[in-house]
Amino acid sequence: MVSVKRLIVILPLLLLSFAGCEQEDTLLSERDKIENYLTSSRNMVAEEDLGSVIEDNPSFYNLFDRYAYRHIVNYYEEGRDERTEVAWGDDLELRFRAYVFTGSEPSLSTLYWTNVEEVILSLQQQSDSKLEWSSEPLKVKLGTTEMLEGLELTLAGCRERDSVQVYMTSNLAYGKKLLGSVPKNSMIAWYMQIEKVTK
């Protein structure tokens, strides 16, 4: 017979184990949705599969720790390699659109934050309301400014004037926090232009 003391010790451990499995299943499901979108809807390949692609300059994504995906839209642009590369500790100025990612093409209906003036004006015209969003570039210092982990993981290695798309599972975004119009456990997509990099 199991004693009450043992149950007090064992039961919380069992509950934690079950919660951990459930969370891992959720992350794997989110990962599958992002990868399916990138490979099927966007016709991209994973960086490690580039060697098996015949076409010139194929569209590809990089995978970072625990399911953050980065696509540099202008990766093959002439002169890109000569521009300043982003490293930890650099000051960045970003123009961005942030979306709740549902597994399909991000749209204005899933947008939760932006500093792109044209998008802000368009949203204001549609809803006849004044948004409190600033159109100033977002200024961050990589590695010291508090930001979504998925963004922090993927910005290093980009270059000034890059157009970058980042998709992340909920654990690298807001997790279980409810943030305004962003539901708990939401996948997130950020579309960014790196306007300036200062060493």
N, C-alpha and C. Protein backbone atom coordinates (compact mmCIF):
# COMPACT_ATOMS: atom_id res chain seq x y z
N MET A 1 0.84 -1.18 0.00
CA MET A 1 0.00 0.00 0.00
C MET A 1 0.90 1.26 0.00
N VAL A 2 0.54 2.25 -0.81
CA VAL A 2 1.31 3.49 -0.92
C VAL A 2 0.91 4.42 0.22
N SER A 3 1.90 4.92 0.91
CA SER A 3 1.61 5.81 2.03
C SER A 3 1.20 7.19 1.51
N VAL A 4 0.54 7.95 2.37
CA VAL A 4 0.10 9.31 2.03
C VAL A 4 1.32 10.19 1.75
N LYS A 5 2.39 9.99 2.52
CA LYS A 5 3.60 10.80 2.30
C LYS A 5 4.16 10.57 0.91
N ARG A 6 4.18 9.30 0.50
CA ARG A 6 4.68 9.00 -0.85
C ARG A 6 3.80 9.63 -1.92
N LEU A 7 2.51 9.59 -1.74
CA LEU A 7 1.59 10.19 -2.71
C LEU A 7 1.84 11.69 -2.83
N ILE A 8 2.11 12.33 -1.72
CA ILE A 8 2.36 13.77 -1.72
C ILE A 8 3.61 14.08 -2.55
N VAL A 9 4.59 13.20 -2.53
CA VAL A 9 5.82 13.40 -3.30
C VAL A 9 5.62 12.99 -4.76
N ILE A 10 4.99 11.86 -5.00
CA ILE A 10 4.88 11.29 -6.34
C ILE A 10 3.87 12.03 -7.21
N LEU A 11 2.72 12.40 -6.66
CA LEU A 11 1.66 13.02 -7.46
C LEU A 11 2.10 14.29 -8.19
N PRO A 12 2.76 15.24 -7.52
CA PRO A 12 3.21 16.43 -8.25
C PRO A 12 4.19 16.09 -9.38
N LEU A 13 5.05 15.10 -9.15
CA LEU A 13 6.01 14.70 -10.19
C LEU A 13 5.28 14.13 -11.41
N LEU A 14 4.26 13.33 -11.17
CA LEU A 14 3.46 12.77 -12.27
C LEU A 14 2.74 13.87 -13.05
N LEU A 15 2.19 14.83 -12.32
CA LEU A 15 1.49 15.93 -12.98
C LEU A 15 2.44 16.77 -13.82
N LEU A 16 3.64 17.05 -13.29
CA LEU A 16 4.65 17.80 -14.05
C LEU A 16 5.07 17.05 -15.30
N SER A 17 5.23 15.75 -15.18
CA SER A 17 5.62 14.92 -16.32
C SER A 17 4.54 14.96 -17.40
N PHE A 18 3.27 14.85 -17.00
CA PHE A 18 2.17 14.90 -17.96
C PHE A 18 2.10 16.26 -18.64
N ALA A 19 2.26 17.35 -17.88
CA ALA A 19 2.23 18.70 -18.44
C ALA A 19 3.36 18.90 -19.43
N GLY A 20 4.55 18.36 -19.12
CA GLY A 20 5.69 18.48 -20.01
C GLY A 20 5.45 17.78 -21.33
N CYS A 21 4.85 16.58 -21.29
CA CYS A 21 4.53 15.84 -22.53
C CYS A 21 3.50 16.60 -23.37
N GLU A 22 2.50 17.14 -22.70
CA GLU A 22 1.45 17.89 -23.40
C GLU A 22 2.04 19.12 -24.08
N GLN A 23 2.94 19.82 -23.39
CA GLN A 23 3.57 21.01 -23.97
C GLN A 23 4.43 20.63 -25.17
N GLU A 24 5.17 19.53 -25.06
CA GLU A 24 6.03 19.09 -26.18
C GLU A 24 5.17 18.72 -27.39
N ASP A 25 4.02 18.07 -27.16
CA ASP A 25 3.11 17.75 -28.27
C ASP A 25 2.62 19.02 -28.95
N THR A 26 2.30 20.04 -28.16
CA THR A 26 1.84 21.31 -28.71
C THR A 26 2.93 21.95 -29.57
N LEU A 27 4.16 21.96 -29.06
CA LEU A 27 5.27 22.55 -29.81
C LEU A 27 5.53 21.80 -31.11
N LEU A 28 5.45 20.49 -31.08
CA LEU A 28 5.65 19.70 -32.30
C LEU A 28 4.56 19.99 -33.32
N SER A 29 3.34 20.17 -32.86
CA SER A 29 2.24 20.53 -33.75
C SER A 29 2.46 21.91 -34.37
N GLU A 30 2.89 22.87 -33.54
CA GLU A 30 3.19 24.21 -34.04
C GLU A 30 4.34 24.17 -35.04
N ARG A 31 5.38 23.41 -34.71
CA ARG A 31 6.51 23.26 -35.63
C ARG A 31 6.05 22.73 -36.99
N ASP A 32 5.19 21.71 -36.96
CA ASP A 32 4.69 21.12 -38.21
C ASP A 32 3.91 22.14 -39.04
N LYS A 33 3.11 22.98 -38.37
CA LYS A 33 2.33 24.00 -39.09
C LYS A 33 3.25 25.02 -39.77
N ILE A 34 4.29 25.45 -39.05
CA ILE A 34 5.21 26.43 -39.62
C ILE A 34 5.97 25.81 -40.79
N GLU A 35 6.50 24.61 -40.59
CA GLU A 35 7.28 23.96 -41.66
C GLU A 35 6.41 23.66 -42.88
N ASN A 36 5.18 23.25 -42.65
CA ASN A 36 4.27 23.00 -43.77
C ASN A 36 4.00 24.28 -44.55
N TYR A 37 3.80 25.38 -43.84
CA TYR A 37 3.56 26.67 -44.50
C TYR A 37 4.78 27.07 -45.33
N LEU A 38 5.98 26.97 -44.75
CA LEU A 38 7.19 27.39 -45.45
C LEU A 38 7.47 26.51 -46.67
N THR A 39 7.31 25.20 -46.53
CA THR A 39 7.65 24.30 -47.63
C THR A 39 6.53 24.19 -48.68
N SER A 40 5.29 24.20 -48.25
CA SER A 40 4.17 24.02 -49.19
C SER A 40 3.69 25.35 -49.77
N SER A 41 3.32 26.28 -48.90
CA SER A 41 2.75 27.55 -49.38
C SER A 41 3.82 28.47 -49.95
N ARG A 42 5.01 28.47 -49.36
CA ARG A 42 6.07 29.39 -49.78
C ARG A 42 7.15 28.75 -50.64
N ASN A 43 7.06 27.43 -50.84
CA ASN A 43 8.02 26.68 -51.68
C ASN A 43 9.47 26.88 -51.26
N MET A 44 9.73 26.85 -49.97
CA MET A 44 11.08 26.98 -49.45
C MET A 44 11.63 25.61 -49.09
N VAL A 45 12.95 25.57 -48.90
CA VAL A 45 13.60 24.37 -48.37
C VAL A 45 14.37 24.76 -47.13
N ALA A 46 14.64 23.77 -46.30
CA ALA A 46 15.47 24.02 -45.12
C ALA A 46 16.90 24.24 -45.58
N GLU A 47 17.64 25.05 -44.85
CA GLU A 47 19.02 25.36 -45.23
C GLU A 47 19.85 24.09 -45.44
N GLU A 48 19.65 23.09 -44.57
CA GLU A 48 20.45 21.86 -44.69
C GLU A 48 20.13 21.05 -45.94
N ASP A 49 19.00 21.36 -46.60
CA ASP A 49 18.63 20.64 -47.82
C ASP A 49 19.04 21.38 -49.10
N LEU A 50 19.74 22.49 -48.98
CA LEU A 50 20.11 23.28 -50.15
C LEU A 50 20.95 22.49 -51.16
N GLY A 51 21.78 21.57 -50.67
CA GLY A 51 22.63 20.78 -51.55
C GLY A 51 21.87 19.89 -52.50
N SER A 52 20.64 19.57 -52.18
CA SER A 52 19.85 18.68 -53.04
C SER A 52 18.93 19.45 -54.00
N VAL A 53 19.03 20.78 -53.99
CA VAL A 53 18.17 21.60 -54.85
C VAL A 53 18.92 21.95 -56.13
N ILE A 54 18.27 21.74 -57.28
CA ILE A 54 18.90 21.98 -58.58
C ILE A 54 18.85 23.44 -58.99
N GLU A 55 17.76 24.12 -58.68
CA GLU A 55 17.57 25.50 -59.15
C GLU A 55 18.60 26.47 -58.57
N ASP A 56 18.83 27.56 -59.28
CA ASP A 56 19.73 28.62 -58.80
C ASP A 56 19.02 29.46 -57.75
N ASN A 57 19.76 29.87 -56.74
CA ASN A 57 19.26 30.78 -55.70
C ASN A 57 17.90 30.35 -55.12
N PRO A 58 17.82 29.15 -54.59
CA PRO A 58 16.53 28.69 -54.05
C PRO A 58 16.15 29.45 -52.78
N SER A 59 14.86 29.60 -52.56
CA SER A 59 14.35 30.22 -51.34
C SER A 59 14.54 29.22 -50.20
N PHE A 60 15.12 29.66 -49.09
CA PHE A 60 15.35 28.74 -47.99
C PHE A 60 15.13 29.42 -46.65
N TYR A 61 14.97 28.58 -45.62
CA TYR A 61 14.84 29.09 -44.25
C TYR A 61 15.90 28.44 -43.37
N ASN A 62 16.24 29.14 -42.29
CA ASN A 62 17.14 28.61 -41.27
C ASN A 62 16.30 28.25 -40.06
N LEU A 63 16.67 27.15 -39.39
CA LEU A 63 15.99 26.74 -38.17
C LEU A 63 16.91 27.02 -37.00
N PHE A 64 16.36 27.68 -35.97
CA PHE A 64 17.12 28.00 -34.77
C PHE A 64 16.52 27.25 -33.59
N ASP A 65 17.26 27.20 -32.52
CA ASP A 65 16.91 26.46 -31.31
C ASP A 65 15.43 26.51 -30.96
N ARG A 66 14.86 25.34 -30.74
CA ARG A 66 13.47 25.20 -30.28
C ARG A 66 12.45 25.90 -31.18
N TYR A 67 12.65 25.81 -32.47
CA TYR A 67 11.62 26.16 -33.46
C TYR A 67 11.41 27.65 -33.71
N ALA A 68 12.49 28.33 -34.01
CA ALA A 68 12.42 29.68 -34.58
C ALA A 68 12.94 29.56 -36.01
N TYR A 69 12.18 30.07 -36.96
CA TYR A 69 12.50 29.94 -38.39
C TYR A 69 12.76 31.32 -38.97
N ARG A 70 13.83 31.44 -39.76
CA ARG A 70 14.17 32.73 -40.36
C ARG A 70 14.33 32.57 -41.86
N HIS A 71 13.71 33.51 -42.59
CA HIS A 71 13.90 33.59 -44.04
C HIS A 71 14.37 35.01 -44.36
N ILE A 72 15.54 35.12 -44.99
CA ILE A 72 16.04 36.42 -45.42
C ILE A 72 15.62 36.59 -46.88
N VAL A 73 14.65 37.46 -47.11
CA VAL A 73 14.02 37.61 -48.42
C VAL A 73 15.04 38.02 -49.48
N ASN A 74 15.94 38.92 -49.14
CA ASN A 74 16.90 39.47 -50.11
C ASN A 74 18.28 38.80 -50.00
N TYR A 75 18.32 37.56 -49.59
CA TYR A 75 19.59 36.87 -49.32
C TYR A 75 20.55 36.92 -50.52
N TYR A 76 20.04 36.82 -51.72
CA TYR A 76 20.88 36.75 -52.91
C TYR A 76 21.13 38.12 -53.55
N GLU A 77 20.70 39.18 -52.89
CA GLU A 77 20.83 40.52 -53.45
C GLU A 77 22.31 40.90 -53.65
N GLU A 78 22.59 41.48 -54.78
CA GLU A 78 23.96 41.90 -55.09
C GLU A 78 24.44 42.94 -54.08
N GLY A 79 25.64 42.75 -53.56
CA GLY A 79 26.23 43.69 -52.60
C GLY A 79 25.83 43.43 -51.17
N ARG A 80 24.96 42.46 -50.93
CA ARG A 80 24.50 42.20 -49.55
C ARG A 80 25.65 41.85 -48.63
N ASP A 81 26.60 41.05 -49.10
CA ASP A 81 27.71 40.60 -48.26
C ASP A 81 28.61 41.74 -47.79
N GLU A 82 28.51 42.89 -48.43
CA GLU A 82 29.35 44.03 -48.06
C GLU A 82 28.71 44.89 -46.98
N ARG A 83 27.44 44.66 -46.69
CA ARG A 83 26.76 45.46 -45.67
C ARG A 83 27.06 44.93 -44.27
N THR A 84 26.87 45.78 -43.26
CA THR A 84 27.19 45.43 -41.87
C THR A 84 26.37 44.24 -41.40
N GLU A 85 27.07 43.26 -40.83
CA GLU A 85 26.41 42.07 -40.30
C GLU A 85 26.01 42.30 -38.85
N VAL A 86 24.83 41.83 -38.48
CA VAL A 86 24.31 41.98 -37.11
C VAL A 86 25.01 40.98 -36.19
N ALA A 87 25.49 41.48 -35.05
CA ALA A 87 26.11 40.64 -34.02
C ALA A 87 25.56 41.05 -32.66
N TRP A 88 25.77 40.20 -31.66
CA TRP A 88 25.33 40.50 -30.30
C TRP A 88 25.95 41.81 -29.84
N GLY A 89 25.13 42.65 -29.21
CA GLY A 89 25.59 43.93 -28.70
C GLY A 89 25.39 45.08 -29.66
N ASP A 90 25.01 44.79 -30.91
CA ASP A 90 24.78 45.85 -31.89
C ASP A 90 23.45 46.56 -31.62
N ASP A 91 23.41 47.85 -31.97
CA ASP A 91 22.16 48.62 -31.92
C ASP A 91 21.49 48.51 -33.27
N LEU A 92 20.20 48.16 -33.25
CA LEU A 92 19.44 47.97 -34.49
C LEU A 92 18.25 48.91 -34.53
N GLU A 93 17.90 49.33 -35.74
CA GLU A 93 16.65 50.05 -35.97
C GLU A 93 15.83 49.20 -36.93
N LEU A 94 14.61 48.85 -36.48
CA LEU A 94 13.77 47.92 -37.23
C LEU A 94 12.45 48.56 -37.64
N ARG A 95 12.03 48.26 -38.83
CA ARG A 95 10.68 48.55 -39.31
C ARG A 95 10.00 47.18 -39.38
N PHE A 96 8.81 47.00 -38.81
CA PHE A 96 8.26 45.64 -38.68
C PHE A 96 6.74 45.61 -38.75
N ARG A 97 6.25 44.41 -39.02
CA ARG A 97 4.83 44.04 -38.88
C ARG A 97 4.81 42.74 -38.09
N ALA A 98 4.03 42.67 -37.03
CA ALA A 98 3.98 41.49 -36.16
C ALA A 98 2.59 40.87 -36.24
N TYR A 99 2.57 39.55 -36.46
CA TYR A 99 1.31 38.84 -36.68
C TYR A 99 1.16 37.66 -35.71
N VAL A 100 -0.08 37.35 -35.36
CA VAL A 100 -0.39 36.05 -34.78
C VAL A 100 -0.39 35.10 -35.97
N PHE A 101 0.45 34.08 -35.92
CA PHE A 101 0.58 33.17 -37.06
C PHE A 101 -0.36 31.98 -36.90
N THR A 102 -1.18 31.75 -37.92
CA THR A 102 -2.20 30.70 -37.84
C THR A 102 -1.87 29.49 -38.71
N GLY A 103 -0.78 29.58 -39.46
CA GLY A 103 -0.44 28.49 -40.37
C GLY A 103 -0.71 28.84 -41.82
N SER A 104 -1.29 30.02 -42.03
CA SER A 104 -1.53 30.51 -43.39
C SER A 104 -0.95 31.91 -43.54
N GLU A 105 -1.05 32.49 -44.71
CA GLU A 105 -0.43 33.78 -45.01
C GLU A 105 -0.87 34.86 -44.01
N PRO A 106 0.07 35.51 -43.34
CA PRO A 106 -0.30 36.59 -42.42
C PRO A 106 -1.06 37.71 -43.16
N SER A 107 -2.01 38.31 -42.47
CA SER A 107 -2.83 39.36 -43.09
C SER A 107 -3.14 40.44 -42.06
N LEU A 108 -3.80 41.50 -42.51
CA LEU A 108 -4.16 42.59 -41.59
C LEU A 108 -5.03 42.09 -40.44
N SER A 109 -5.82 41.05 -40.69
CA SER A 109 -6.70 40.55 -39.63
C SER A 109 -5.93 39.84 -38.51
N THR A 110 -4.70 39.42 -38.76
CA THR A 110 -3.91 38.76 -37.72
C THR A 110 -2.76 39.65 -37.23
N LEU A 111 -2.67 40.87 -37.74
CA LEU A 111 -1.65 41.82 -37.32
C LEU A 111 -1.95 42.30 -35.90
N TYR A 112 -0.93 42.30 -35.02
CA TYR A 112 -1.17 42.81 -33.67
C TYR A 112 -0.29 44.00 -33.32
N TRP A 113 0.70 44.32 -34.19
CA TRP A 113 1.56 45.47 -33.91
C TRP A 113 2.39 45.79 -35.13
N THR A 114 2.60 47.06 -35.40
CA THR A 114 3.46 47.47 -36.51
C THR A 114 3.96 48.89 -36.27
N ASN A 115 5.03 49.25 -36.96
CA ASN A 115 5.46 50.64 -36.98
C ASN A 115 5.60 51.12 -38.43
N VAL A 116 4.97 50.38 -39.36
CA VAL A 116 4.97 50.76 -40.77
C VAL A 116 3.83 51.75 -40.98
N GLU A 117 4.18 52.99 -41.29
CA GLU A 117 3.19 54.08 -41.33
C GLU A 117 2.03 53.79 -42.27
N GLU A 118 2.31 53.25 -43.46
CA GLU A 118 1.23 52.98 -44.42
C GLU A 118 0.23 51.97 -43.86
N VAL A 119 0.74 50.97 -43.14
CA VAL A 119 -0.14 49.95 -42.57
C VAL A 119 -0.98 50.55 -41.45
N ILE A 120 -0.37 51.38 -40.61
CA ILE A 120 -1.11 52.04 -39.53
C ILE A 120 -2.23 52.90 -40.11
N LEU A 121 -1.92 53.68 -41.15
CA LEU A 121 -2.94 54.54 -41.79
C LEU A 121 -4.06 53.71 -42.39
N SER A 122 -3.70 52.60 -43.04
CA SER A 122 -4.70 51.72 -43.63
C SER A 122 -5.64 51.15 -42.57
N LEU A 123 -5.09 50.72 -41.44
CA LEU A 123 -5.91 50.18 -40.35
C LEU A 123 -6.80 51.26 -39.75
N GLN A 124 -6.27 52.47 -39.62
CA GLN A 124 -7.08 53.57 -39.08
C GLN A 124 -8.25 53.90 -40.01
N GLN A 125 -8.02 53.86 -41.31
CA GLN A 125 -9.09 54.14 -42.27
C GLN A 125 -10.16 53.06 -42.23
N GLN A 126 -9.73 51.82 -42.04
CA GLN A 126 -10.69 50.71 -42.00
C GLN A 126 -11.57 50.75 -40.76
N SER A 127 -10.99 51.17 -39.63
CA SER A 127 -11.75 51.10 -38.38
C SER A 127 -12.20 52.46 -37.85
N ASP A 128 -11.82 53.52 -38.53
CA ASP A 128 -12.16 54.88 -38.09
C ASP A 128 -11.73 55.14 -36.64
N SER A 129 -10.61 54.58 -36.26
CA SER A 129 -10.12 54.82 -34.90
C SER A 129 -8.64 55.16 -34.96
N LYS A 130 -8.17 55.81 -33.92
CA LYS A 130 -6.76 56.22 -33.84
C LYS A 130 -5.97 55.14 -33.11
N LEU A 131 -4.99 54.57 -33.81
CA LEU A 131 -4.12 53.59 -33.16
C LEU A 131 -3.00 54.33 -32.44
N GLU A 132 -2.59 53.79 -31.32
CA GLU A 132 -1.54 54.41 -30.52
C GLU A 132 -0.16 53.89 -30.91
N TRP A 133 -0.04 53.27 -32.05
CA TRP A 133 1.25 52.74 -32.47
C TRP A 133 2.12 53.83 -33.06
N SER A 134 3.39 53.80 -32.74
CA SER A 134 4.34 54.77 -33.27
C SER A 134 4.87 54.28 -34.61
N SER A 135 5.15 55.23 -35.51
CA SER A 135 5.76 54.86 -36.79
C SER A 135 7.28 55.06 -36.76
N GLU A 136 7.81 55.34 -35.58
CA GLU A 136 9.26 55.47 -35.42
C GLU A 136 9.90 54.08 -35.50
N PRO A 137 11.13 53.98 -36.00
CA PRO A 137 11.80 52.67 -36.00
C PRO A 137 11.92 52.12 -34.58
N LEU A 138 11.78 50.82 -34.44
CA LEU A 138 11.98 50.15 -33.16
C LEU A 138 13.49 50.04 -32.94
N LYS A 139 13.97 50.57 -31.81
CA LYS A 139 15.41 50.55 -31.53
C LYS A 139 15.69 49.51 -30.44
N VAL A 140 16.58 48.58 -30.75
CA VAL A 140 16.94 47.53 -29.81
C VAL A 140 18.45 47.34 -29.81
N LYS A 141 18.95 46.85 -28.71
CA LYS A 141 20.36 46.45 -28.60
C LYS A 141 20.33 44.93 -28.45
N LEU A 142 20.84 44.24 -29.45
CA LEU A 142 20.71 42.78 -29.48
C LEU A 142 21.46 42.15 -28.31
N GLY A 143 20.70 41.41 -27.51
CA GLY A 143 21.28 40.73 -26.36
C GLY A 143 21.02 41.43 -25.04
N THR A 144 20.60 42.71 -25.09
CA THR A 144 20.34 43.42 -23.83
C THR A 144 18.93 43.97 -23.76
N THR A 145 18.33 44.32 -24.91
CA THR A 145 16.96 44.81 -24.91
C THR A 145 16.02 43.62 -24.75
N GLU A 146 15.02 43.76 -23.88
CA GLU A 146 14.06 42.67 -23.70
C GLU A 146 13.22 42.53 -24.97
N MET A 147 13.28 41.35 -25.57
CA MET A 147 12.52 41.09 -26.80
C MET A 147 12.14 39.62 -26.84
N LEU A 148 11.27 39.28 -27.78
CA LEU A 148 10.88 37.88 -27.93
C LEU A 148 12.11 37.03 -28.20
N GLU A 149 12.18 35.89 -27.55
CA GLU A 149 13.34 35.02 -27.70
C GLU A 149 13.54 34.59 -29.15
N GLY A 150 12.44 34.34 -29.86
CA GLY A 150 12.53 33.94 -31.27
C GLY A 150 13.19 35.00 -32.13
N LEU A 151 12.94 36.27 -31.82
CA LEU A 151 13.59 37.36 -32.57
C LEU A 151 15.07 37.44 -32.21
N GLU A 152 15.36 37.36 -30.93
CA GLU A 152 16.74 37.48 -30.48
C GLU A 152 17.60 36.38 -31.10
N LEU A 153 17.07 35.17 -31.18
CA LEU A 153 17.81 34.05 -31.75
C LEU A 153 18.13 34.24 -33.23
N THR A 154 17.24 34.90 -33.95
CA THR A 154 17.33 34.91 -35.42
C THR A 154 17.95 36.17 -36.01
N LEU A 155 18.08 37.24 -35.27
CA LEU A 155 18.59 38.49 -35.85
C LEU A 155 20.11 38.46 -36.09
N ALA A 156 20.86 37.81 -35.20
CA ALA A 156 22.31 37.74 -35.41
C ALA A 156 22.59 37.02 -36.72
N GLY A 157 23.50 37.59 -37.51
CA GLY A 157 23.84 37.00 -38.81
C GLY A 157 23.11 37.65 -39.96
N CYS A 158 22.05 38.42 -39.67
CA CYS A 158 21.40 39.20 -40.72
C CYS A 158 22.30 40.39 -41.05
N ARG A 159 21.92 41.17 -42.04
CA ARG A 159 22.73 42.33 -42.43
C ARG A 159 21.85 43.57 -42.54
N GLU A 160 22.50 44.73 -42.45
CA GLU A 160 21.79 45.99 -42.60
C GLU A 160 21.03 45.99 -43.92
N ARG A 161 19.81 46.48 -43.88
CA ARG A 161 18.88 46.58 -45.01
C ARG A 161 18.29 45.23 -45.44
N ASP A 162 18.50 44.19 -44.63
CA ASP A 162 17.86 42.91 -44.92
C ASP A 162 16.37 43.00 -44.65
N SER A 163 15.62 42.27 -45.47
CA SER A 163 14.20 42.05 -45.24
C SER A 163 14.08 40.64 -44.68
N VAL A 164 13.58 40.51 -43.46
CA VAL A 164 13.64 39.25 -42.73
C VAL A 164 12.24 38.84 -42.27
N GLN A 165 11.93 37.55 -42.44
CA GLN A 165 10.68 37.00 -41.92
C GLN A 165 11.04 35.96 -40.87
N VAL A 166 10.45 36.09 -39.69
CA VAL A 166 10.72 35.16 -38.59
C VAL A 166 9.40 34.55 -38.14
N TYR A 167 9.38 33.24 -38.02
CA TYR A 167 8.21 32.49 -37.54
C TYR A 167 8.66 31.74 -36.30
N MET A 168 7.85 31.77 -35.23
CA MET A 168 8.28 31.11 -33.99
C MET A 168 7.11 30.41 -33.31
N THR A 169 7.44 29.31 -32.65
CA THR A 169 6.45 28.60 -31.85
C THR A 169 6.17 29.41 -30.58
N SER A 170 5.09 29.09 -29.93
CA SER A 170 4.62 29.90 -28.79
C SER A 170 5.63 30.00 -27.66
N ASN A 171 6.44 28.96 -27.44
CA ASN A 171 7.41 29.00 -26.34
C ASN A 171 8.49 30.05 -26.55
N LEU A 172 8.72 30.46 -27.80
CA LEU A 172 9.72 31.49 -28.08
C LEU A 172 9.08 32.86 -28.27
N ALA A 173 7.76 32.91 -28.09
CA ALA A 173 7.03 34.18 -28.20
C ALA A 173 6.50 34.58 -26.82
N TYR A 174 5.19 34.58 -26.66
CA TYR A 174 4.60 35.03 -25.39
C TYR A 174 4.18 33.88 -24.47
N GLY A 175 4.28 32.65 -24.97
CA GLY A 175 3.93 31.49 -24.15
C GLY A 175 2.51 31.54 -23.65
N LYS A 176 2.35 31.38 -22.36
CA LYS A 176 1.00 31.33 -21.76
C LYS A 176 0.47 32.70 -21.37
N LYS A 177 1.22 33.76 -21.71
CA LYS A 177 0.76 35.11 -21.38
C LYS A 177 -0.28 35.56 -22.39
N LEU A 178 -1.28 36.26 -21.92
CA LEU A 178 -2.28 36.89 -22.79
C LEU A 178 -1.82 38.33 -22.99
N LEU A 179 -1.61 38.72 -24.24
CA LEU A 179 -1.08 40.05 -24.53
C LEU A 179 -2.01 40.76 -25.50
N GLY A 180 -2.88 41.64 -24.98
CA GLY A 180 -3.80 42.38 -25.84
C GLY A 180 -4.59 41.45 -26.74
N SER A 181 -4.40 41.58 -28.06
CA SER A 181 -5.15 40.75 -29.01
C SER A 181 -4.43 39.44 -29.34
N VAL A 182 -3.32 39.18 -28.67
CA VAL A 182 -2.57 37.94 -28.90
C VAL A 182 -3.04 36.89 -27.89
N PRO A 183 -3.70 35.82 -28.38
CA PRO A 183 -4.14 34.77 -27.45
C PRO A 183 -2.96 34.03 -26.83
N LYS A 184 -3.21 33.37 -25.70
CA LYS A 184 -2.18 32.54 -25.07
C LYS A 184 -1.73 31.46 -26.05
N ASN A 185 -0.49 31.04 -25.90
CA ASN A 185 0.06 29.94 -26.70
C ASN A 185 -0.08 30.16 -28.20
N SER A 186 0.22 31.36 -28.65
CA SER A 186 0.12 31.69 -30.08
C SER A 186 1.48 31.60 -30.76
N MET A 187 1.47 31.06 -31.97
CA MET A 187 2.64 31.17 -32.83
C MET A 187 2.67 32.61 -33.34
N ILE A 188 3.87 33.12 -33.59
CA ILE A 188 4.03 34.52 -33.98
C ILE A 188 4.90 34.60 -35.24
N ALA A 189 4.60 35.57 -36.10
CA ALA A 189 5.44 35.88 -37.26
C ALA A 189 5.78 37.36 -37.24
N TRP A 190 7.04 37.68 -37.45
CA TRP A 190 7.49 39.08 -37.56
C TRP A 190 8.12 39.25 -38.93
N TYR A 191 7.66 40.26 -39.68
CA TYR A 191 8.25 40.63 -40.96
C TYR A 191 8.98 41.95 -40.72
N MET A 192 10.30 41.95 -40.92
CA MET A 192 11.12 43.11 -40.52
C MET A 192 12.01 43.59 -41.65
N GLN A 193 12.30 44.87 -41.58
CA GLN A 193 13.35 45.49 -42.40
C GLN A 193 14.37 46.03 -41.41
N ILE A 194 15.62 45.58 -41.53
CA ILE A 194 16.68 46.08 -40.65
C ILE A 194 17.22 47.36 -41.28
N GLU A 195 16.77 48.49 -40.78
CA GLU A 195 17.11 49.78 -41.40
C GLU A 195 18.53 50.23 -41.08
N LYS A 196 18.99 49.93 -39.87
CA LYS A 196 20.31 50.42 -39.48
C LYS A 196 20.94 49.49 -38.46
N VAL A 197 22.25 49.28 -38.60
CA VAL A 197 23.03 48.49 -37.64
C VAL A 197 24.19 49.36 -37.19
N THR A 198 24.30 49.56 -35.88
CA THR A 198 25.41 50.36 -35.32
C THR A 198 26.22 49.48 -34.38
N LYS A 199 27.51 49.40 -34.66
CA LYS A 199 28.42 48.59 -33.84
C LYS A 199 28.76 49.31 -32.55
